């Protein structure tokens, strides 16, 4: 006989597999920004939890009218680094936390054009912020004693837009790792739109819309 706990785990696994099979292995998303369009290919096969989280923000419209706010340039290689955008600290747009999928588990890496989920110190603290790599950033991959960040796809169109954002002026201010990396003129994300598969809105309240224009 199978223990009750094992049955529960099996049911959860089957539900997860069913959810994953409902999406194409690659889902393209277009980010329409004030600097031009960017298309990312989200890898639902190798990073299912992180991809589902990102797509939930897209399908709900939670990334619409947000911005790219950070440009982190590598010292000694100013044309490389990453740009970061999303909901920032806007709790009104925030969904629940997402389980962490390290690069050591997914096999995805912080190569040129990779899209990676931003997070706080806690591993499951990612919400609706993400980073786009310009050049390889292997220091952000998982290694012994360091969990790294969760890659869940890559840019397949508009890398020229990403590079231009990285080159934009930044403010000398900012706290901690953000010091000197905040864009003087953040780039607006007009909307994020799914190009593949079927949108699956979460149905959760869109609280931020109640404060729009305030």
N, C-alpha and C. Protein backbone atom coordinates (compact mmCIF):
# COMPACT_ATOMS: atom_id res chain seq x y z
N UNK A 1 0.83 -1.20 0.00
CA UNK A 1 0.00 0.00 0.00
C UNK A 1 0.87 1.26 0.00
N UNK A 2 0.33 2.34 -0.54
CA UNK A 2 1.04 3.61 -0.54
C UNK A 2 0.57 4.43 0.65
N UNK A 3 1.52 4.96 1.42
CA UNK A 3 1.17 5.76 2.58
C UNK A 3 0.39 6.99 2.16
N UNK A 4 -0.44 7.49 3.10
CA UNK A 4 -1.29 8.65 2.78
C UNK A 4 -0.45 9.86 2.34
N UNK A 5 0.68 10.08 3.05
CA UNK A 5 1.55 11.20 2.70
C UNK A 5 2.10 11.08 1.29
N UNK A 6 2.43 9.83 0.89
CA UNK A 6 2.95 9.61 -0.46
C UNK A 6 1.87 9.89 -1.50
N UNK A 7 0.61 9.53 -1.15
CA UNK A 7 -0.48 9.80 -2.08
C UNK A 7 -0.67 11.30 -2.30
N UNK A 8 -0.55 12.06 -1.21
CA UNK A 8 -0.67 13.51 -1.31
C UNK A 8 0.42 14.08 -2.20
N UNK A 9 1.65 13.61 -1.98
CA UNK A 9 2.77 14.08 -2.79
C UNK A 9 2.58 13.72 -4.25
N UNK A 10 2.07 12.51 -4.50
CA UNK A 10 1.82 12.08 -5.87
C UNK A 10 0.77 12.97 -6.53
N UNK A 11 -0.29 13.28 -5.79
CA UNK A 11 -1.35 14.13 -6.34
C UNK A 11 -0.81 15.51 -6.68
N UNK A 12 0.02 16.07 -5.78
CA UNK A 12 0.61 17.37 -6.04
C UNK A 12 1.48 17.33 -7.28
N UNK A 13 2.26 16.25 -7.41
CA UNK A 13 3.14 16.11 -8.57
C UNK A 13 2.34 16.04 -9.85
N UNK A 14 1.23 15.28 -9.82
CA UNK A 14 0.39 15.15 -11.02
C UNK A 14 -0.27 16.47 -11.38
N UNK A 15 -0.72 17.21 -10.38
CA UNK A 15 -1.32 18.52 -10.65
C UNK A 15 -0.29 19.46 -11.26
N UNK A 16 0.94 19.41 -10.71
CA UNK A 16 2.00 20.25 -11.24
C UNK A 16 2.32 19.89 -12.68
N UNK A 17 2.34 18.58 -12.97
CA UNK A 17 2.63 18.14 -14.34
C UNK A 17 1.52 18.59 -15.28
N UNK A 18 0.28 18.52 -14.80
CA UNK A 18 -0.83 18.95 -15.64
C UNK A 18 -0.76 20.43 -15.94
N UNK A 19 -0.39 21.23 -14.91
CA UNK A 19 -0.29 22.66 -15.12
C UNK A 19 0.81 22.98 -16.11
N UNK A 20 1.94 22.26 -15.95
CA UNK A 20 3.07 22.51 -16.84
C UNK A 20 2.72 22.15 -18.28
N UNK A 21 1.96 21.05 -18.48
CA UNK A 21 1.63 20.61 -19.82
C UNK A 21 0.66 21.56 -20.51
N UNK A 22 0.01 22.42 -19.73
CA UNK A 22 -0.91 23.37 -20.31
C UNK A 22 -0.23 24.54 -21.00
N UNK A 23 1.07 24.66 -20.84
CA UNK A 23 1.83 25.74 -21.46
C UNK A 23 2.75 25.17 -22.53
N UNK A 24 3.01 25.92 -23.61
CA UNK A 24 4.08 25.51 -24.53
C UNK A 24 5.40 25.48 -23.77
N UNK A 25 6.36 24.71 -24.25
CA UNK A 25 7.67 24.63 -23.60
C UNK A 25 8.34 26.00 -23.57
N UNK A 26 8.11 26.80 -24.60
CA UNK A 26 8.62 28.18 -24.67
C UNK A 26 7.44 29.11 -24.90
N UNK A 27 7.33 30.11 -24.04
CA UNK A 27 6.28 31.14 -24.19
C UNK A 27 6.96 32.48 -24.40
N UNK A 28 6.70 33.10 -25.54
CA UNK A 28 7.29 34.41 -25.80
C UNK A 28 6.41 35.51 -25.21
N UNK A 29 7.09 36.51 -24.64
CA UNK A 29 6.41 37.67 -24.08
C UNK A 29 7.06 38.92 -24.64
N UNK A 30 6.23 39.83 -25.13
CA UNK A 30 6.73 41.11 -25.63
C UNK A 30 6.60 42.17 -24.55
N UNK A 31 7.71 42.84 -24.26
CA UNK A 31 7.71 43.98 -23.35
C UNK A 31 7.77 45.24 -24.20
N UNK A 32 6.70 45.98 -24.22
CA UNK A 32 6.66 47.23 -24.98
C UNK A 32 7.12 48.33 -24.04
N UNK A 33 8.26 48.93 -24.32
CA UNK A 33 8.84 49.93 -23.42
C UNK A 33 8.98 51.28 -24.12
N UNK A 34 9.28 52.28 -23.32
CA UNK A 34 9.50 53.60 -23.86
C UNK A 34 10.76 53.70 -24.70
N UNK A 35 11.61 52.67 -24.64
CA UNK A 35 12.85 52.66 -25.42
C UNK A 35 12.77 51.71 -26.61
N UNK A 36 11.65 51.00 -26.76
CA UNK A 36 11.50 50.03 -27.84
C UNK A 36 11.00 48.70 -27.30
N UNK A 37 10.71 47.77 -28.19
CA UNK A 37 10.16 46.47 -27.80
C UNK A 37 11.25 45.45 -27.52
N UNK A 38 11.00 44.61 -26.52
CA UNK A 38 11.88 43.51 -26.15
C UNK A 38 11.02 42.24 -26.13
N UNK A 39 11.51 41.16 -26.72
CA UNK A 39 10.79 39.89 -26.68
C UNK A 39 11.63 38.88 -25.90
N UNK A 40 11.03 38.28 -24.89
CA UNK A 40 11.72 37.25 -24.11
C UNK A 40 11.04 35.91 -24.33
N UNK A 41 11.83 34.84 -24.35
CA UNK A 41 11.32 33.48 -24.46
C UNK A 41 11.41 32.83 -23.09
N UNK A 42 10.26 32.57 -22.49
CA UNK A 42 10.18 32.02 -21.14
C UNK A 42 10.21 30.50 -21.21
N UNK A 43 11.12 29.88 -20.48
CA UNK A 43 11.35 28.44 -20.53
C UNK A 43 10.52 27.74 -19.46
N UNK A 44 9.29 27.35 -19.80
CA UNK A 44 8.41 26.73 -18.82
C UNK A 44 8.80 25.28 -18.51
N UNK A 45 9.60 24.68 -19.37
CA UNK A 45 10.01 23.29 -19.17
C UNK A 45 11.08 23.17 -18.10
N UNK A 46 12.12 24.01 -18.19
CA UNK A 46 13.24 23.89 -17.27
C UNK A 46 13.06 24.69 -15.98
N UNK A 47 12.27 25.75 -16.03
CA UNK A 47 12.03 26.58 -14.84
C UNK A 47 10.53 26.82 -14.69
N UNK A 48 9.76 25.76 -14.42
CA UNK A 48 8.29 25.88 -14.44
C UNK A 48 7.72 26.84 -13.39
N UNK A 49 8.24 26.81 -12.17
CA UNK A 49 7.68 27.66 -11.11
C UNK A 49 7.99 29.13 -11.36
N UNK A 50 9.23 29.42 -11.73
CA UNK A 50 9.63 30.80 -11.99
C UNK A 50 8.90 31.34 -13.21
N UNK A 51 8.78 30.52 -14.24
CA UNK A 51 8.07 30.93 -15.46
C UNK A 51 6.60 31.20 -15.17
N UNK A 52 5.96 30.32 -14.39
CA UNK A 52 4.55 30.50 -14.06
C UNK A 52 4.34 31.80 -13.29
N UNK A 53 5.27 32.12 -12.41
CA UNK A 53 5.18 33.36 -11.65
C UNK A 53 5.25 34.57 -12.58
N UNK A 54 6.23 34.60 -13.47
CA UNK A 54 6.38 35.71 -14.40
C UNK A 54 5.16 35.86 -15.29
N UNK A 55 4.68 34.73 -15.82
CA UNK A 55 3.52 34.76 -16.71
C UNK A 55 2.25 35.21 -15.98
N UNK A 56 2.15 34.93 -14.70
CA UNK A 56 1.01 35.40 -13.92
C UNK A 56 1.00 36.93 -13.87
N UNK A 57 2.17 37.53 -13.68
CA UNK A 57 2.27 38.99 -13.69
C UNK A 57 1.91 39.55 -15.07
N UNK A 58 2.35 38.86 -16.12
CA UNK A 58 2.03 39.29 -17.48
C UNK A 58 0.53 39.18 -17.73
N UNK A 59 -0.05 38.01 -17.45
CA UNK A 59 -1.46 37.76 -17.76
C UNK A 59 -2.41 38.64 -16.94
N UNK A 60 -1.99 39.04 -15.75
CA UNK A 60 -2.81 39.92 -14.90
C UNK A 60 -2.67 41.39 -15.28
N UNK A 61 -1.66 41.72 -16.11
CA UNK A 61 -1.40 43.12 -16.41
C UNK A 61 -0.63 43.82 -15.30
N UNK A 62 -0.02 43.05 -14.41
CA UNK A 62 0.69 43.64 -13.27
C UNK A 62 2.01 44.30 -13.68
N UNK A 63 2.53 43.98 -14.87
CA UNK A 63 3.75 44.62 -15.34
C UNK A 63 3.46 45.83 -16.22
N UNK A 64 2.20 46.04 -16.56
CA UNK A 64 1.84 47.20 -17.38
C UNK A 64 2.04 48.48 -16.58
N UNK A 65 2.62 49.48 -17.22
CA UNK A 65 2.86 50.77 -16.59
C UNK A 65 3.79 50.66 -15.38
N UNK A 66 4.78 49.76 -15.49
CA UNK A 66 5.86 49.71 -14.50
C UNK A 66 7.11 50.27 -15.19
N UNK A 67 8.30 49.87 -14.75
CA UNK A 67 9.49 50.47 -15.37
C UNK A 67 10.75 49.65 -15.15
N UNK A 68 11.72 49.88 -16.04
CA UNK A 68 13.09 49.46 -15.80
C UNK A 68 13.74 50.59 -15.01
N UNK A 69 14.28 50.28 -13.86
CA UNK A 69 14.76 51.31 -12.94
C UNK A 69 16.24 51.17 -12.58
N UNK A 70 16.88 50.09 -12.99
CA UNK A 70 18.26 49.83 -12.55
C UNK A 70 19.13 49.41 -13.71
N UNK A 71 20.37 49.93 -13.75
CA UNK A 71 21.38 49.51 -14.73
C UNK A 71 22.66 49.21 -13.97
N UNK A 72 22.99 47.94 -13.88
CA UNK A 72 24.18 47.50 -13.14
C UNK A 72 25.29 47.18 -14.13
N UNK A 73 26.27 48.09 -14.24
CA UNK A 73 27.37 47.90 -15.19
C UNK A 73 28.58 47.31 -14.48
N UNK A 74 29.23 46.39 -15.15
CA UNK A 74 30.38 45.70 -14.56
C UNK A 74 31.60 46.60 -14.59
N UNK A 75 32.30 46.68 -13.47
CA UNK A 75 33.51 47.49 -13.40
C UNK A 75 34.57 46.94 -14.35
N UNK A 76 35.11 47.81 -15.16
CA UNK A 76 36.12 47.39 -16.12
C UNK A 76 35.54 46.89 -17.42
N UNK A 77 34.21 46.72 -17.45
CA UNK A 77 33.52 46.28 -18.68
C UNK A 77 32.15 46.94 -18.68
N UNK A 78 32.15 48.24 -18.89
CA UNK A 78 30.95 49.05 -18.72
C UNK A 78 29.81 48.70 -19.67
N UNK A 79 30.12 48.00 -20.75
CA UNK A 79 29.06 47.63 -21.69
C UNK A 79 28.41 46.29 -21.32
N UNK A 80 28.80 45.73 -20.19
CA UNK A 80 28.23 44.46 -19.73
C UNK A 80 27.65 44.63 -18.34
N UNK A 81 26.72 43.75 -17.99
CA UNK A 81 26.06 43.81 -16.68
C UNK A 81 24.62 43.35 -16.82
N UNK A 82 23.68 44.09 -16.24
CA UNK A 82 22.27 43.75 -16.39
C UNK A 82 21.41 44.97 -16.11
N UNK A 83 20.18 44.94 -16.65
CA UNK A 83 19.17 45.94 -16.32
C UNK A 83 18.05 45.24 -15.58
N UNK A 84 17.45 45.96 -14.66
CA UNK A 84 16.40 45.36 -13.82
C UNK A 84 15.14 46.20 -13.88
N UNK A 85 14.01 45.52 -13.93
CA UNK A 85 12.73 46.21 -13.98
C UNK A 85 11.63 45.39 -13.37
N UNK A 86 10.42 45.96 -13.40
CA UNK A 86 9.27 45.27 -12.85
C UNK A 86 8.48 46.16 -11.91
N UNK A 87 7.88 45.55 -10.91
CA UNK A 87 6.96 46.26 -10.03
C UNK A 87 7.67 47.06 -8.94
N UNK A 88 8.97 46.91 -8.80
CA UNK A 88 9.69 47.60 -7.74
C UNK A 88 9.20 47.15 -6.38
N UNK A 89 8.87 48.09 -5.52
CA UNK A 89 8.38 47.75 -4.17
C UNK A 89 6.87 47.98 -4.05
N UNK A 90 6.16 48.01 -5.16
CA UNK A 90 4.73 48.27 -5.16
C UNK A 90 3.96 47.03 -4.68
N UNK A 91 3.64 47.02 -3.40
CA UNK A 91 2.95 45.86 -2.80
C UNK A 91 1.56 45.65 -3.38
N UNK A 92 0.96 46.70 -3.96
CA UNK A 92 -0.39 46.57 -4.51
C UNK A 92 -0.41 45.67 -5.74
N UNK A 93 0.73 45.53 -6.41
CA UNK A 93 0.82 44.68 -7.60
C UNK A 93 1.34 43.28 -7.27
N UNK A 94 1.73 43.06 -6.05
CA UNK A 94 2.49 41.86 -5.69
C UNK A 94 1.62 40.62 -5.54
N UNK A 95 2.10 39.51 -6.09
CA UNK A 95 1.50 38.20 -5.87
C UNK A 95 2.30 37.47 -4.78
N UNK A 96 1.96 36.23 -4.51
CA UNK A 96 2.69 35.47 -3.51
C UNK A 96 4.12 35.15 -3.94
N UNK A 97 4.92 34.72 -3.00
CA UNK A 97 6.31 34.36 -3.27
C UNK A 97 6.39 33.09 -4.11
N UNK A 98 7.48 32.94 -4.84
CA UNK A 98 7.63 31.81 -5.76
C UNK A 98 8.75 30.89 -5.27
N UNK A 99 8.58 29.57 -5.34
CA UNK A 99 9.65 28.65 -4.95
C UNK A 99 10.91 28.92 -5.78
N UNK A 100 12.06 28.87 -5.15
CA UNK A 100 13.33 29.18 -5.80
C UNK A 100 13.82 28.02 -6.65
N UNK A 101 14.18 28.31 -7.90
CA UNK A 101 14.71 27.30 -8.82
C UNK A 101 16.13 27.70 -9.21
N UNK A 102 17.15 27.19 -8.51
CA UNK A 102 18.53 27.59 -8.79
C UNK A 102 19.02 27.07 -10.13
N UNK A 103 20.03 27.73 -10.67
CA UNK A 103 20.58 27.33 -11.97
C UNK A 103 21.16 25.92 -11.93
N UNK A 104 21.63 25.49 -10.76
CA UNK A 104 22.16 24.14 -10.65
C UNK A 104 21.10 23.09 -10.87
N UNK A 105 19.85 23.43 -10.62
CA UNK A 105 18.75 22.49 -10.81
C UNK A 105 18.17 22.60 -12.23
N UNK A 106 18.03 23.82 -12.74
CA UNK A 106 17.38 24.01 -14.04
C UNK A 106 18.32 23.79 -15.22
N UNK A 107 19.62 23.98 -14.99
CA UNK A 107 20.58 23.88 -16.09
C UNK A 107 20.67 25.16 -16.91
N UNK A 108 19.87 26.16 -16.57
CA UNK A 108 19.91 27.45 -17.26
C UNK A 108 21.00 28.31 -16.62
N UNK A 109 21.60 29.20 -17.39
CA UNK A 109 22.72 29.99 -16.89
C UNK A 109 22.53 31.47 -17.23
N UNK A 110 23.28 32.30 -16.52
CA UNK A 110 23.23 33.74 -16.76
C UNK A 110 24.13 34.11 -17.94
N UNK A 111 23.72 33.66 -19.11
CA UNK A 111 24.43 33.96 -20.36
C UNK A 111 23.92 35.30 -20.89
N UNK A 112 24.55 35.79 -21.95
CA UNK A 112 24.09 37.03 -22.59
C UNK A 112 22.62 36.90 -22.99
N UNK A 113 21.80 37.84 -22.58
CA UNK A 113 20.39 37.83 -22.92
C UNK A 113 19.50 37.06 -21.97
N UNK A 114 20.06 36.38 -20.97
CA UNK A 114 19.23 35.61 -20.03
C UNK A 114 18.31 36.54 -19.26
N UNK A 115 17.12 36.04 -18.92
CA UNK A 115 16.21 36.75 -18.02
C UNK A 115 16.19 36.00 -16.70
N UNK A 116 16.37 36.73 -15.62
CA UNK A 116 16.56 36.14 -14.30
C UNK A 116 15.64 36.83 -13.31
N UNK A 117 15.10 36.08 -12.36
CA UNK A 117 14.19 36.66 -11.37
C UNK A 117 14.98 37.34 -10.27
N UNK A 118 14.67 38.58 -9.99
CA UNK A 118 15.29 39.29 -8.88
C UNK A 118 14.67 38.79 -7.57
N UNK A 119 15.42 38.87 -6.49
CA UNK A 119 14.90 38.46 -5.18
C UNK A 119 15.65 39.20 -4.09
N UNK A 120 15.12 39.07 -2.87
CA UNK A 120 15.81 39.59 -1.70
C UNK A 120 16.73 38.49 -1.16
N UNK A 121 17.15 38.58 0.07
CA UNK A 121 18.08 37.58 0.61
C UNK A 121 17.44 36.21 0.72
N UNK A 122 16.19 36.15 1.14
CA UNK A 122 15.50 34.87 1.25
C UNK A 122 15.33 34.24 -0.13
N UNK A 123 15.52 32.94 -0.24
CA UNK A 123 15.50 32.28 -1.53
C UNK A 123 14.13 32.34 -2.20
N UNK A 124 13.05 32.34 -1.42
CA UNK A 124 11.71 32.33 -1.99
C UNK A 124 11.08 33.72 -1.96
N UNK A 125 11.91 34.77 -2.08
CA UNK A 125 11.40 36.14 -1.93
C UNK A 125 11.17 36.84 -3.26
N UNK A 126 11.28 36.13 -4.38
CA UNK A 126 11.04 36.77 -5.68
C UNK A 126 9.57 37.13 -5.83
N UNK A 127 9.31 38.27 -6.47
CA UNK A 127 7.92 38.67 -6.72
C UNK A 127 7.79 39.04 -8.20
N UNK A 128 7.72 40.33 -8.52
CA UNK A 128 7.49 40.75 -9.89
C UNK A 128 8.60 41.61 -10.46
N UNK A 129 9.86 41.35 -10.07
CA UNK A 129 11.01 42.07 -10.60
C UNK A 129 11.96 41.08 -11.27
N UNK A 130 12.59 41.52 -12.34
CA UNK A 130 13.43 40.63 -13.13
C UNK A 130 14.59 41.40 -13.74
N UNK A 131 15.63 40.67 -14.15
CA UNK A 131 16.83 41.27 -14.72
C UNK A 131 17.13 40.66 -16.08
N UNK A 132 17.63 41.48 -16.99
CA UNK A 132 18.05 41.04 -18.32
C UNK A 132 19.56 41.19 -18.43
N UNK A 133 20.24 40.08 -18.75
CA UNK A 133 21.70 40.08 -18.80
C UNK A 133 22.22 40.72 -20.10
N UNK A 134 23.28 41.50 -19.96
CA UNK A 134 24.02 42.02 -21.11
C UNK A 134 25.43 41.48 -20.95
N UNK A 135 25.78 40.50 -21.79
CA UNK A 135 27.01 39.76 -21.57
C UNK A 135 26.75 38.68 -20.53
N UNK A 136 27.63 37.70 -20.46
CA UNK A 136 27.48 36.63 -19.48
C UNK A 136 27.79 37.15 -18.08
N UNK A 137 27.00 36.68 -17.10
CA UNK A 137 27.20 37.04 -15.69
C UNK A 137 27.26 35.77 -14.85
N UNK A 138 28.31 34.95 -15.03
CA UNK A 138 28.38 33.67 -14.33
C UNK A 138 28.42 33.81 -12.81
N UNK A 139 28.80 34.98 -12.30
CA UNK A 139 28.82 35.18 -10.85
C UNK A 139 27.42 35.10 -10.24
N UNK A 140 26.39 35.19 -11.07
CA UNK A 140 25.01 35.11 -10.58
C UNK A 140 24.47 33.68 -10.61
N UNK A 141 25.26 32.74 -11.15
CA UNK A 141 24.87 31.33 -11.15
C UNK A 141 25.11 30.71 -9.78
N UNK A 142 24.41 29.62 -9.50
CA UNK A 142 24.61 28.90 -8.25
C UNK A 142 25.98 28.22 -8.22
N UNK A 143 26.58 28.19 -7.06
CA UNK A 143 27.84 27.47 -6.84
C UNK A 143 27.90 27.08 -5.37
N UNK A 144 28.92 26.34 -4.98
CA UNK A 144 29.03 25.89 -3.59
C UNK A 144 28.98 27.08 -2.63
N UNK A 145 28.02 27.05 -1.73
CA UNK A 145 27.90 28.09 -0.73
C UNK A 145 27.19 29.34 -1.20
N UNK A 146 26.73 29.36 -2.44
CA UNK A 146 26.04 30.54 -2.98
C UNK A 146 24.88 30.09 -3.86
N UNK A 147 23.64 30.47 -3.53
CA UNK A 147 22.48 29.96 -4.27
C UNK A 147 22.27 30.61 -5.63
N UNK A 148 22.78 31.83 -5.83
CA UNK A 148 22.60 32.53 -7.09
C UNK A 148 21.17 32.99 -7.31
N UNK A 149 20.81 33.17 -8.57
CA UNK A 149 19.49 33.66 -8.94
C UNK A 149 18.86 32.71 -9.96
N UNK A 150 17.55 32.82 -10.13
CA UNK A 150 16.81 31.87 -10.98
C UNK A 150 16.64 32.40 -12.39
N UNK A 151 17.34 31.80 -13.34
CA UNK A 151 17.15 32.11 -14.76
C UNK A 151 15.91 31.35 -15.25
N UNK A 152 15.09 31.99 -16.11
CA UNK A 152 13.91 31.29 -16.60
C UNK A 152 13.65 31.55 -18.09
N UNK A 153 14.67 31.98 -18.82
CA UNK A 153 14.51 32.19 -20.25
C UNK A 153 15.57 33.15 -20.78
N UNK A 154 15.32 33.71 -21.96
CA UNK A 154 16.28 34.64 -22.52
C UNK A 154 15.63 35.57 -23.53
N UNK A 155 16.31 36.67 -23.80
CA UNK A 155 15.84 37.65 -24.77
C UNK A 155 16.04 37.08 -26.18
N UNK A 156 15.00 37.15 -26.99
CA UNK A 156 15.10 36.68 -28.38
C UNK A 156 14.85 37.81 -29.38
N UNK A 157 14.60 38.99 -28.87
CA UNK A 157 14.41 40.14 -29.74
C UNK A 157 14.55 41.43 -28.93
N UNK A 158 15.22 42.41 -29.50
CA UNK A 158 15.34 43.69 -28.83
C UNK A 158 16.54 43.83 -27.91
N UNK A 159 17.59 43.04 -28.11
CA UNK A 159 18.77 43.19 -27.27
C UNK A 159 19.41 44.57 -27.44
N UNK A 160 19.21 45.19 -28.60
CA UNK A 160 19.73 46.55 -28.78
C UNK A 160 19.05 47.51 -27.80
N UNK A 161 17.78 47.29 -27.51
CA UNK A 161 17.06 48.11 -26.54
C UNK A 161 17.64 47.90 -25.14
N UNK A 162 17.92 46.65 -24.79
CA UNK A 162 18.48 46.32 -23.48
C UNK A 162 19.85 46.99 -23.32
N UNK A 163 20.67 46.92 -24.35
CA UNK A 163 22.01 47.52 -24.28
C UNK A 163 21.93 49.03 -24.12
N UNK A 164 20.98 49.66 -24.82
CA UNK A 164 20.82 51.11 -24.69
C UNK A 164 20.41 51.49 -23.27
N UNK A 165 19.55 50.69 -22.67
CA UNK A 165 19.14 50.98 -21.29
C UNK A 165 20.33 50.85 -20.34
N UNK A 166 21.15 49.82 -20.54
CA UNK A 166 22.32 49.64 -19.68
C UNK A 166 23.25 50.84 -19.75
N UNK A 167 23.32 51.50 -20.91
CA UNK A 167 24.24 52.62 -21.11
C UNK A 167 23.69 53.95 -20.59
N UNK A 168 22.45 53.99 -20.15
CA UNK A 168 21.85 55.24 -19.73
C UNK A 168 22.44 55.72 -18.40
N UNK A 169 22.43 57.03 -18.16
CA UNK A 169 23.00 57.60 -16.92
C UNK A 169 22.31 57.06 -15.67
N UNK A 170 23.09 56.87 -14.63
CA UNK A 170 22.57 56.42 -13.35
C UNK A 170 22.89 57.46 -12.27
N UNK A 171 22.11 57.43 -11.21
CA UNK A 171 22.29 58.35 -10.10
C UNK A 171 23.36 57.83 -9.15
N UNK A 172 24.13 58.71 -8.50
CA UNK A 172 25.13 58.26 -7.53
C UNK A 172 24.50 57.73 -6.25
N UNK A 173 23.21 57.98 -6.06
CA UNK A 173 22.53 57.54 -4.84
C UNK A 173 22.14 56.08 -4.88
N UNK A 174 21.26 55.70 -3.96
CA UNK A 174 20.82 54.31 -3.85
C UNK A 174 21.40 53.62 -2.64
N UNK A 175 20.74 52.58 -2.19
CA UNK A 175 21.18 51.85 -0.99
C UNK A 175 21.79 50.51 -1.34
N UNK A 176 22.80 50.12 -0.57
CA UNK A 176 23.40 48.80 -0.71
C UNK A 176 23.88 48.50 -2.11
N UNK A 177 23.47 47.33 -2.63
CA UNK A 177 23.90 46.91 -3.97
C UNK A 177 23.36 47.83 -5.05
N UNK A 178 22.35 48.63 -4.75
CA UNK A 178 21.74 49.52 -5.74
C UNK A 178 22.47 50.86 -5.86
N UNK A 179 23.43 51.10 -5.00
CA UNK A 179 24.12 52.39 -4.99
C UNK A 179 24.80 52.66 -6.33
N UNK A 180 24.49 53.81 -6.91
CA UNK A 180 25.08 54.19 -8.19
C UNK A 180 24.48 53.49 -9.39
N UNK A 181 23.40 52.74 -9.19
CA UNK A 181 22.84 51.94 -10.28
C UNK A 181 21.41 52.30 -10.66
N UNK A 182 20.82 53.27 -9.99
CA UNK A 182 19.43 53.64 -10.28
C UNK A 182 19.39 54.59 -11.48
N UNK A 183 18.60 54.24 -12.48
CA UNK A 183 18.52 55.06 -13.68
C UNK A 183 17.99 56.45 -13.36
N UNK A 184 18.67 57.47 -13.89
CA UNK A 184 18.20 58.84 -13.70
C UNK A 184 16.81 59.00 -14.31
N UNK A 185 16.61 58.41 -15.47
CA UNK A 185 15.32 58.43 -16.14
C UNK A 185 14.87 57.00 -16.38
N UNK A 186 14.11 56.43 -15.45
CA UNK A 186 13.62 55.05 -15.64
C UNK A 186 12.88 54.90 -16.96
N UNK A 187 12.97 53.71 -17.53
CA UNK A 187 12.32 53.42 -18.81
C UNK A 187 10.98 52.74 -18.54
N UNK A 188 9.92 53.35 -19.01
CA UNK A 188 8.58 52.82 -18.75
C UNK A 188 8.34 51.52 -19.50
N UNK A 189 7.75 50.55 -18.80
CA UNK A 189 7.21 49.35 -19.44
C UNK A 189 5.73 49.64 -19.69
N UNK A 190 5.41 49.94 -20.92
CA UNK A 190 4.04 50.32 -21.27
C UNK A 190 3.10 49.14 -21.02
N UNK A 191 3.50 47.97 -21.52
CA UNK A 191 2.71 46.77 -21.30
C UNK A 191 3.58 45.53 -21.56
N UNK A 192 3.15 44.43 -20.98
CA UNK A 192 3.76 43.12 -21.22
C UNK A 192 2.69 42.23 -21.79
N UNK A 193 2.93 41.63 -22.95
CA UNK A 193 1.89 40.85 -23.61
C UNK A 193 2.41 39.48 -24.03
N UNK A 194 1.63 38.48 -23.75
CA UNK A 194 1.96 37.10 -24.09
C UNK A 194 1.76 36.89 -25.60
N UNK A 195 2.70 36.20 -26.24
CA UNK A 195 2.60 35.91 -27.67
C UNK A 195 2.27 34.45 -27.96
N UNK A 196 2.41 33.59 -26.97
CA UNK A 196 2.17 32.15 -27.15
C UNK A 196 1.29 31.61 -26.02
N UNK A 197 0.55 30.55 -26.33
CA UNK A 197 -0.27 29.93 -25.32
C UNK A 197 -1.50 30.76 -24.99
N UNK A 198 -2.17 30.39 -23.92
CA UNK A 198 -3.40 31.05 -23.51
C UNK A 198 -3.18 31.77 -22.18
N UNK A 199 -3.60 33.02 -22.12
CA UNK A 199 -3.46 33.79 -20.88
C UNK A 199 -4.24 33.13 -19.75
N UNK A 200 -3.66 33.15 -18.55
CA UNK A 200 -4.30 32.55 -17.39
C UNK A 200 -4.27 33.55 -16.24
N UNK A 201 -5.13 34.55 -16.26
CA UNK A 201 -5.17 35.53 -15.16
C UNK A 201 -5.42 34.85 -13.83
N UNK A 202 -4.83 35.39 -12.77
CA UNK A 202 -4.97 34.76 -11.45
C UNK A 202 -6.33 35.01 -10.84
N UNK A 203 -7.01 36.08 -11.25
CA UNK A 203 -8.29 36.41 -10.65
C UNK A 203 -8.15 37.17 -9.34
N UNK A 204 -6.91 37.42 -8.91
CA UNK A 204 -6.71 38.17 -7.68
C UNK A 204 -7.00 39.66 -7.90
N UNK A 205 -7.42 40.37 -6.85
CA UNK A 205 -7.78 41.79 -6.99
C UNK A 205 -6.62 42.63 -7.56
N UNK A 206 -6.96 43.54 -8.45
CA UNK A 206 -5.97 44.44 -9.05
C UNK A 206 -6.00 45.76 -8.29
N UNK A 207 -5.48 45.70 -7.07
CA UNK A 207 -5.60 46.81 -6.13
C UNK A 207 -4.95 48.08 -6.67
N UNK A 208 -3.83 47.93 -7.41
CA UNK A 208 -3.11 49.11 -7.88
C UNK A 208 -3.95 49.98 -8.80
N UNK A 209 -4.92 49.38 -9.49
CA UNK A 209 -5.74 50.16 -10.41
C UNK A 209 -6.64 51.15 -9.66
N UNK A 210 -6.93 50.86 -8.39
CA UNK A 210 -7.75 51.79 -7.60
C UNK A 210 -7.02 53.08 -7.30
N UNK A 211 -5.69 53.02 -7.41
CA UNK A 211 -4.88 54.20 -7.07
C UNK A 211 -4.25 54.83 -8.31
N UNK A 212 -4.64 54.37 -9.48
CA UNK A 212 -4.07 54.89 -10.70
C UNK A 212 -4.39 56.37 -10.87
N UNK A 213 -3.36 57.15 -11.16
CA UNK A 213 -3.53 58.59 -11.34
C UNK A 213 -3.48 59.38 -10.06
N UNK A 214 -3.36 58.69 -8.93
CA UNK A 214 -3.31 59.40 -7.64
C UNK A 214 -1.88 59.79 -7.28
